[in-house]
Amino acid sequence: MSDHKFKIGQFVNYKPRVKSLGGGVYRIVQLMSPADDEPLYRIKSETEAHLRSAMESELSPLNRR
């Protein structure tokens, strides 16, 4: 089982494997149990009302100032 690379509250770039899902800047709101040995996250965009689930490979760090 892998450890989570990102922490709750951290902002990340979300680049989904399915391009039609969009992407952009999201905040980590929950660490989820891994699937297929890859960490999962619950993420939230500041511009959307709903939450999304994302695999760690779909996320990259965001340097926010």
C-alpha atoms as a PDB file:
ATOM      1  CA  MET A   1       0.000   0.000   0.000  1.00  0.00           C
ATOM      2  CA  SER A   2       1.334   3.432  -0.952  1.00  0.00           C
ATOM      3  CA  ASP A   3       1.499   6.535   1.232  1.00  0.00           C
ATOM      4  CA  HIS A   4      -0.306   9.675   0.142  1.00  0.00           C
ATOM      5  CA  LYS A   5       1.970  12.283  -1.436  1.00  0.00           C
ATOM      6  CA  PHE A   6      -0.426  15.212  -0.884  1.00  0.00           C
ATOM      7  CA  LYS A   7      -1.970  16.507   2.346  1.00  0.00           C
ATOM      8  CA  ILE A   8      -5.461  17.708   3.250  1.00  0.00           C
ATOM      9  CA  GLY A   9      -5.780  21.416   2.432  1.00  0.00           C
ATOM     10  CA  GLN A  10      -3.061  21.348  -0.227  1.00  0.00           C
ATOM     11  CA  PHE A  11      -3.853  22.853  -3.640  1.00  0.00           C
ATOM     12  CA  VAL A  12      -3.011  20.708  -6.667  1.00  0.00           C
ATOM     13  CA  ASN A  13      -3.359  20.728 -10.438  1.00  0.00           C
ATOM     14  CA  TYR A  14      -5.856  18.091 -11.529  1.00  0.00           C
ATOM     15  CA  LYS A  15      -5.337  16.599 -14.982  1.00  0.00           C
ATOM     16  CA  PRO A  16      -7.872  13.772 -15.372  1.00  0.00           C
ATOM     17  CA  ARG A  17      -7.200  10.833 -17.654  1.00  0.00           C
ATOM     18  CA  VAL A  18     -10.598  11.449 -19.270  1.00  0.00           C
ATOM     19  CA  LYS A  19     -10.127  14.824 -20.955  1.00  0.00           C
ATOM     20  CA  SER A  20     -13.855  15.643 -21.040  1.00  0.00           C
ATOM     21  CA  LEU A  21     -13.864  15.855 -17.217  1.00  0.00           C
ATOM     22  CA  GLY A  22     -11.935  19.092 -17.342  1.00  0.00           C
ATOM     23  CA  GLY A  23      -9.230  19.840 -14.847  1.00  0.00           C
ATOM     24  CA  GLY A  24      -7.582  22.761 -13.130  1.00  0.00           C
ATOM     25  CA  VAL A  25      -6.813  23.830  -9.588  1.00  0.00           C
ATOM     26  CA  TYR A  26      -8.341  21.756  -6.791  1.00  0.00           C
ATOM     27  CA  ARG A  27      -7.879  21.437  -3.026  1.00  0.00           C
ATOM     28  CA  ILE A  28      -7.378  18.092  -1.285  1.00  0.00           C
ATOM     29  CA  VAL A  29     -10.272  17.596   1.154  1.00  0.00           C
ATOM     30  CA  GLN A  30      -9.902  13.903   2.054  1.00  0.00           C
ATOM     31  CA  LEU A  31      -7.368  11.086   1.809  1.00  0.00           C
ATOM     32  CA  MET A  32      -9.046   7.907   0.592  1.00  0.00           C
ATOM     33  CA  SER A  33      -8.059   4.255   0.638  1.00  0.00           C
ATOM     34  CA  PRO A  34      -5.839   3.253  -2.281  1.00  0.00           C
ATOM     35  CA  ALA A  35      -7.213   1.497  -5.357  1.00  0.00           C
ATOM     36  CA  ASP A  36      -4.898  -0.823  -7.256  1.00  0.00           C
ATOM     37  CA  ASP A  37      -2.132   0.275  -4.862  1.00  0.00           C
ATOM     38  CA  GLU A  38      -2.466   3.938  -5.932  1.00  0.00           C
ATOM     39  CA  PRO A  39      -3.524   6.578  -3.384  1.00  0.00           C
ATOM     40  CA  LEU A  40      -6.896   8.222  -3.988  1.00  0.00           C
ATOM     41  CA  TYR A  41      -8.062  11.674  -2.957  1.00  0.00           C
ATOM     42  CA  ARG A  42     -11.326  13.562  -2.623  1.00  0.00           C
ATOM     43  CA  ILE A  43     -10.781  16.956  -4.231  1.00  0.00           C
ATOM     44  CA  LYS A  44     -12.788  20.196  -4.497  1.00  0.00           C
ATOM     45  CA  SER A  45     -12.592  23.064  -6.954  1.00  0.00           C
ATOM     46  CA  GLU A  46     -13.331  26.590  -5.757  1.00  0.00           C
ATOM     47  CA  THR A  47     -15.604  26.979  -8.800  1.00  0.00           C
ATOM     48  CA  GLU A  48     -17.683  23.781  -8.448  1.00  0.00           C
ATOM     49  CA  ALA A  49     -20.236  22.780  -5.832  1.00  0.00           C
ATOM     50  CA  HIS A  50     -19.451  19.058  -5.947  1.00  0.00           C
ATOM     51  CA  LEU A  51     -16.463  16.928  -4.905  1.00  0.00           C
ATOM     52  CA  ARG A  52     -14.447  14.675  -7.199  1.00  0.00           C
ATOM     53  CA  SER A  53     -12.290  11.623  -6.632  1.00  0.00           C
ATOM     54  CA  ALA A  54      -8.831  11.571  -8.191  1.00  0.00           C
ATOM     55  CA  MET A  55      -5.936   9.163  -8.381  1.00  0.00           C
ATOM     56  CA  GLU A  56      -2.550  10.462  -7.304  1.00  0.00           C
ATOM     57  CA  SER A  57      -1.190  10.096 -10.849  1.00  0.00           C
ATOM     58  CA  GLU A  58      -3.786  12.670 -12.007  1.00  0.00           C
ATOM     59  CA  LEU A  59      -2.491  15.301  -9.552  1.00  0.00           C
ATOM     60  CA  SER A  60       0.582  17.494  -9.457  1.00  0.00           C
ATOM     61  CA  PRO A  61       1.751  20.026  -6.843  1.00  0.00           C
ATOM     62  CA  LEU A  62       0.689  23.641  -7.162  1.00  0.00           C
ATOM     63  CA  ASN A  63       2.790  26.460  -5.778  1.00  0.00           C
ATOM     64  CA  ARG A  64       0.293  29.056  -4.543  1.00  0.00           C
ATOM     65  CA  ARG A  65       1.366  32.436  -3.290  1.00  0.00           C
END
